[in-house]
Amino acid sequence: MAKKQAFGEEAQALKQSQRKMAKVVISTINDRGKYAYRETMMDQDDVKDFIQKNKG
């Protein structure tokens, strides 16, 4: 069985509606000098802001 494909505006609308997610890993160092890692899933558009807020 062949899968039905959508073309034109219909396909563009489906593609636009899908959320693009990104996995972001932030590393932190604790008092004893050990590294801890925190993973977060978020929208791809929000990654730069998240990294800027958590630097440091």
Protein backbone atom coordinates (compact mmCIF):
# COMPACT_ATOMS: atom_id res chain seq x y z
CA MET A 1 0.00 0.00 0.00
CA ALA A 2 1.31 3.40 -0.94
CA LYS A 3 1.12 6.20 1.56
CA LYS A 4 -0.98 9.17 0.44
CA GLN A 5 1.11 12.29 0.07
CA ALA A 6 -0.07 15.86 0.40
CA PHE A 7 1.18 18.51 -1.98
CA GLY A 8 1.04 22.28 -2.21
CA GLU A 9 -0.57 24.45 0.45
CA GLU A 10 -1.81 21.45 2.39
CA ALA A 11 1.72 20.09 2.84
CA GLN A 12 3.09 23.51 3.81
CA ALA A 13 0.40 23.94 6.47
CA LEU A 14 1.20 20.54 8.00
CA LYS A 15 4.91 21.26 8.04
CA GLN A 16 4.44 24.69 9.66
CA SER A 17 2.19 23.28 12.36
CA GLN A 18 4.85 20.87 13.64
CA ARG A 19 6.84 22.20 16.59
CA LYS A 20 10.60 22.10 16.22
CA MET A 21 12.07 21.01 19.52
CA ALA A 22 15.64 21.17 20.77
CA LYS A 23 17.39 19.44 23.66
CA VAL A 24 19.61 21.83 25.61
CA VAL A 25 22.23 20.62 28.10
CA ILE A 26 23.52 23.17 30.64
CA SER A 27 26.56 22.33 32.75
CA THR A 28 27.17 23.79 36.19
CA ILE A 29 30.05 23.35 38.61
CA ASN A 30 29.34 22.83 42.31
CA ASP A 31 31.36 23.74 45.42
CA ARG A 32 33.56 20.64 45.25
CA GLY A 33 34.53 21.23 41.64
CA LYS A 34 32.28 18.53 40.17
CA TYR A 35 30.18 19.17 37.09
CA ALA A 36 26.43 18.65 37.00
CA TYR A 37 24.40 18.58 33.80
CA ARG A 38 20.78 19.61 33.33
CA GLU A 39 18.81 18.67 30.22
CA THR A 40 15.84 20.66 28.99
CA MET A 41 13.52 20.20 26.01
CA MET A 42 12.21 23.43 24.48
CA ASP A 43 11.14 25.08 21.26
CA GLN A 44 13.99 25.68 18.87
CA ASP A 45 13.25 29.43 18.77
CA ASP A 46 13.80 29.88 22.53
CA VAL A 47 17.24 28.24 22.77
CA LYS A 48 19.42 31.37 22.49
CA ASP A 49 17.48 33.22 25.19
CA PHE A 50 17.62 30.20 27.52
CA ILE A 51 21.40 29.84 27.11
CA GLN A 52 21.99 33.56 27.72
CA LYS A 53 19.93 33.44 30.95
CA ASN A 54 21.73 30.36 32.26
CA LYS A 55 25.33 31.32 31.47
CA GLY A 56 27.57 32.02 34.20
